[in-house]
N, C-alpha and C. Protein backbone atom coordinates (compact mmCIF):
# COMPACT_ATOMS: atom_id res chain seq x y z
N CYS A 1 0.95 -1.19 0.08
CA CYS A 1 -0.07 -0.10 -0.06
C CYS A 1 0.89 1.23 0.01
N ILE A 2 0.42 2.31 -0.70
CA ILE A 2 1.21 3.43 -0.89
C ILE A 2 0.22 4.60 -0.52
N TYR A 3 0.68 5.54 0.11
CA TYR A 3 -0.10 6.80 0.58
C TYR A 3 -0.58 7.58 -0.87
N GLY A 4 -1.60 8.08 -0.91
CA GLY A 4 -1.83 8.85 -2.13
C GLY A 4 -3.36 9.48 -1.85
N GLU A 5 -3.91 10.17 -2.96
CA GLU A 5 -5.14 10.68 -2.85
C GLU A 5 -5.88 10.38 -4.18
N TRP A 6 -7.16 10.33 -4.09
CA TRP A 6 -7.93 10.27 -5.18
C TRP A 6 -9.03 11.40 -5.37
N TYR A 7 -9.49 11.52 -6.66
CA TYR A 7 -10.41 12.69 -6.91
C TYR A 7 -11.30 12.30 -8.20
N GLU A 8 -12.26 12.83 -8.44
CA GLU A 8 -13.19 12.52 -9.57
C GLU A 8 -12.67 13.36 -10.62
N LYS A 9 -12.62 12.88 -11.95
CA LYS A 9 -12.50 13.65 -13.13
C LYS A 9 -13.57 13.27 -14.17
N GLY A 10 -14.60 13.96 -14.22
CA GLY A 10 -15.93 13.58 -14.96
C GLY A 10 -16.24 12.13 -14.48
N GLU A 11 -16.36 11.31 -15.20
CA GLU A 11 -16.82 9.86 -14.80
C GLU A 11 -15.89 9.00 -14.26
N GLN A 12 -14.50 9.50 -14.40
CA GLN A 12 -13.33 8.76 -13.86
C GLN A 12 -12.90 8.90 -12.46
N ILE A 13 -12.27 8.05 -11.90
CA ILE A 13 -11.77 8.22 -10.61
C ILE A 13 -10.15 8.15 -10.73
N CYS A 14 -9.58 9.22 -10.35
CA CYS A 14 -8.03 9.34 -10.54
C CYS A 14 -7.35 9.24 -9.23
N PHE A 15 -6.17 8.49 -9.22
CA PHE A 15 -5.43 8.44 -8.15
C PHE A 15 -3.89 8.96 -8.43
N ILE A 16 -3.48 9.64 -7.22
CA ILE A 16 -2.07 10.31 -7.32
C ILE A 16 -1.26 9.70 -6.03
N TYR A 17 -0.27 9.15 -6.18
CA TYR A 17 0.44 8.40 -5.15
C TYR A 17 1.76 9.24 -4.80
N GLU A 18 2.25 9.08 -3.55
CA GLU A 18 3.34 9.79 -3.16
C GLU A 18 4.53 9.53 -3.90
N ASN A 19 4.64 8.31 -4.45
CA ASN A 19 5.99 8.00 -5.31
C ASN A 19 5.89 8.35 -6.76
N ASP A 20 4.64 8.73 -7.21
CA ASP A 20 4.65 9.23 -8.62
C ASP A 20 3.31 10.04 -8.70
N PRO A 21 3.52 11.47 -9.00
CA PRO A 21 2.61 12.45 -9.06
C PRO A 21 1.75 12.38 -10.30
N THR A 22 2.05 11.53 -11.14
CA THR A 22 1.12 11.43 -12.46
C THR A 22 -0.20 10.67 -12.19
N PRO A 23 -1.27 11.26 -12.59
CA PRO A 23 -2.61 10.78 -12.26
C PRO A 23 -2.70 9.45 -12.97
N ALA A 24 -3.51 8.43 -12.24
CA ALA A 24 -3.77 7.13 -12.84
C ALA A 24 -5.21 7.00 -12.76
N CYS A 25 -5.95 7.25 -13.81
CA CYS A 25 -7.26 7.38 -13.95
C CYS A 25 -7.91 6.14 -14.46
N TRP A 26 -9.09 5.87 -13.77
CA TRP A 26 -9.85 4.61 -13.99
C TRP A 26 -11.33 5.00 -14.27
N LEU A 27 -12.04 4.17 -15.07
CA LEU A 27 -13.48 4.41 -15.21
C LEU A 27 -14.06 2.90 -14.71
N TYR A 28 -14.82 3.10 -13.72
CA TYR A 28 -15.42 1.96 -12.90
C TYR A 28 -16.87 1.78 -13.40
N PHE A 29 -17.33 0.54 -13.53
CA PHE A 29 -18.62 0.30 -13.92
C PHE A 29 -19.11 -1.13 -13.47
N LEU A 30 -20.42 -1.42 -13.40
CA LEU A 30 -20.94 -2.71 -12.84
C LEU A 30 -20.87 -3.66 -14.15
N ASP A 31 -20.53 -4.88 -14.01
CA ASP A 31 -20.67 -5.75 -15.16
C ASP A 31 -21.05 -7.10 -14.55
N ALA A 32 -22.25 -7.61 -14.75
CA ALA A 32 -22.86 -8.80 -14.10
C ALA A 32 -22.76 -8.74 -12.57
N GLY A 33 -23.10 -7.58 -12.02
CA GLY A 33 -23.00 -7.61 -10.67
C GLY A 33 -21.72 -7.27 -9.94
N LYS A 34 -20.64 -7.36 -10.76
CA LYS A 34 -19.27 -7.11 -10.25
C LYS A 34 -18.67 -5.76 -10.63
N ILE A 35 -17.71 -5.21 -9.87
CA ILE A 35 -17.14 -3.83 -10.40
C ILE A 35 -16.12 -4.15 -11.29
N ARG A 36 -16.11 -3.51 -12.23
CA ARG A 36 -14.91 -3.78 -13.46
C ARG A 36 -14.29 -2.27 -13.43
N GLY A 37 -13.11 -2.17 -13.55
CA GLY A 37 -12.29 -0.90 -13.75
C GLY A 37 -11.56 -0.85 -15.13
N ARG A 38 -11.64 0.03 -15.91
CA ARG A 38 -10.80 0.07 -16.92
C ARG A 38 -9.72 1.32 -17.03
N TYR A 39 -8.49 1.23 -17.06
CA TYR A 39 -7.34 2.12 -16.91
C TYR A 39 -7.50 3.05 -18.11
N MET A 40 -7.65 4.40 -17.82
CA MET A 40 -7.85 5.35 -18.97
C MET A 40 -6.63 6.13 -19.35
N GLY A 41 -5.44 5.84 -18.67
CA GLY A 41 -4.27 6.45 -18.86
C GLY A 41 -3.54 6.22 -20.07
N GLU A 42 -2.39 6.70 -20.36
CA GLU A 42 -1.42 6.33 -21.48
C GLU A 42 -1.12 4.93 -21.52
N GLY A 43 -1.30 4.18 -22.62
CA GLY A 43 -1.11 2.87 -22.60
C GLY A 43 -2.40 2.03 -22.16
N GLY A 44 -3.37 2.77 -21.83
CA GLY A 44 -4.72 2.22 -21.27
C GLY A 44 -5.33 0.98 -22.19
N GLY A 45 -6.40 0.61 -21.75
CA GLY A 45 -7.13 -0.46 -22.40
C GLY A 45 -7.12 -1.71 -21.47
N TRP A 46 -6.35 -1.85 -20.43
CA TRP A 46 -6.44 -2.95 -19.71
C TRP A 46 -7.44 -2.88 -18.58
N GLU A 47 -7.99 -3.91 -18.02
CA GLU A 47 -9.00 -3.80 -17.03
C GLU A 47 -8.84 -4.71 -15.97
N ILE A 48 -9.43 -4.27 -14.72
CA ILE A 48 -9.42 -5.17 -13.50
C ILE A 48 -10.83 -5.57 -13.32
N LEU A 49 -11.08 -6.71 -12.50
CA LEU A 49 -12.43 -7.04 -12.15
C LEU A 49 -12.37 -7.59 -10.76
N GLU A 50 -13.47 -7.13 -9.96
CA GLU A 50 -13.71 -7.44 -8.62
C GLU A 50 -13.69 -8.83 -8.49
N SER A 51 -13.02 -9.41 -7.51
CA SER A 51 -13.02 -10.92 -7.29
C SER A 51 -13.73 -11.41 -6.10
N SER A 52 -13.75 -10.31 -5.18
CA SER A 52 -14.51 -10.67 -3.74
C SER A 52 -14.89 -9.30 -3.14
N ARG A 53 -15.75 -9.32 -2.11
CA ARG A 53 -16.08 -8.07 -1.32
C ARG A 53 -15.78 -8.32 0.11
N ASP A 54 -15.20 -7.32 0.83
CA ASP A 54 -14.92 -7.58 2.35
C ASP A 54 -15.30 -6.04 2.73
N GLY A 55 -16.00 -5.97 3.78
CA GLY A 55 -16.39 -4.54 4.43
C GLY A 55 -15.23 -4.12 5.28
N GLY A 56 -14.23 -5.00 5.57
CA GLY A 56 -13.10 -4.54 6.41
C GLY A 56 -12.05 -3.60 5.73
N PRO A 57 -11.12 -2.98 6.44
CA PRO A 57 -9.97 -2.14 5.93
C PRO A 57 -9.11 -2.99 5.13
N LEU A 58 -8.31 -2.43 4.20
CA LEU A 58 -7.22 -2.94 3.43
C LEU A 58 -6.20 -3.52 4.33
N PRO A 59 -5.65 -4.71 4.13
CA PRO A 59 -4.71 -5.33 4.87
C PRO A 59 -3.19 -4.90 4.53
N CYS A 60 -2.99 -3.56 5.02
CA CYS A 60 -1.69 -2.84 4.66
C CYS A 60 -0.86 -2.95 5.89
N ALA A 61 0.52 -3.25 5.65
CA ALA A 61 1.43 -3.16 6.92
C ALA A 61 1.86 -1.68 7.20
N GLY A 62 2.00 -1.37 8.49
CA GLY A 62 2.60 -0.19 8.92
C GLY A 62 1.48 0.60 9.57
N PRO A 63 1.63 1.55 10.42
CA PRO A 63 0.59 2.38 10.94
C PRO A 63 -0.14 3.30 10.10
N ASP A 64 -1.45 3.32 10.07
CA ASP A 64 -2.31 4.09 9.44
C ASP A 64 -2.34 3.95 7.91
N VAL A 65 -1.67 2.99 7.34
CA VAL A 65 -1.69 2.87 5.82
C VAL A 65 -2.89 2.14 5.39
N GLY A 66 -3.41 2.54 4.39
CA GLY A 66 -4.77 1.95 3.93
C GLY A 66 -5.90 2.30 4.82
N VAL A 67 -5.86 3.27 5.78
CA VAL A 67 -7.03 3.78 6.61
C VAL A 67 -7.57 5.12 5.99
């Protein structure tokens, strides 16, 4: 896990991380009841698909990471 921030850009959700200030923007949508994300940045076109859901915090090592 890496510290960063996210923001909305139109219909996209963009992430900026402490180790790379270049925005990484994704378009998220529902597909057969699962969340799918499509990378919209340079060289985009690849997708990620939700594999499971858990209401708990992300399992990141270190104090306050992922919280």
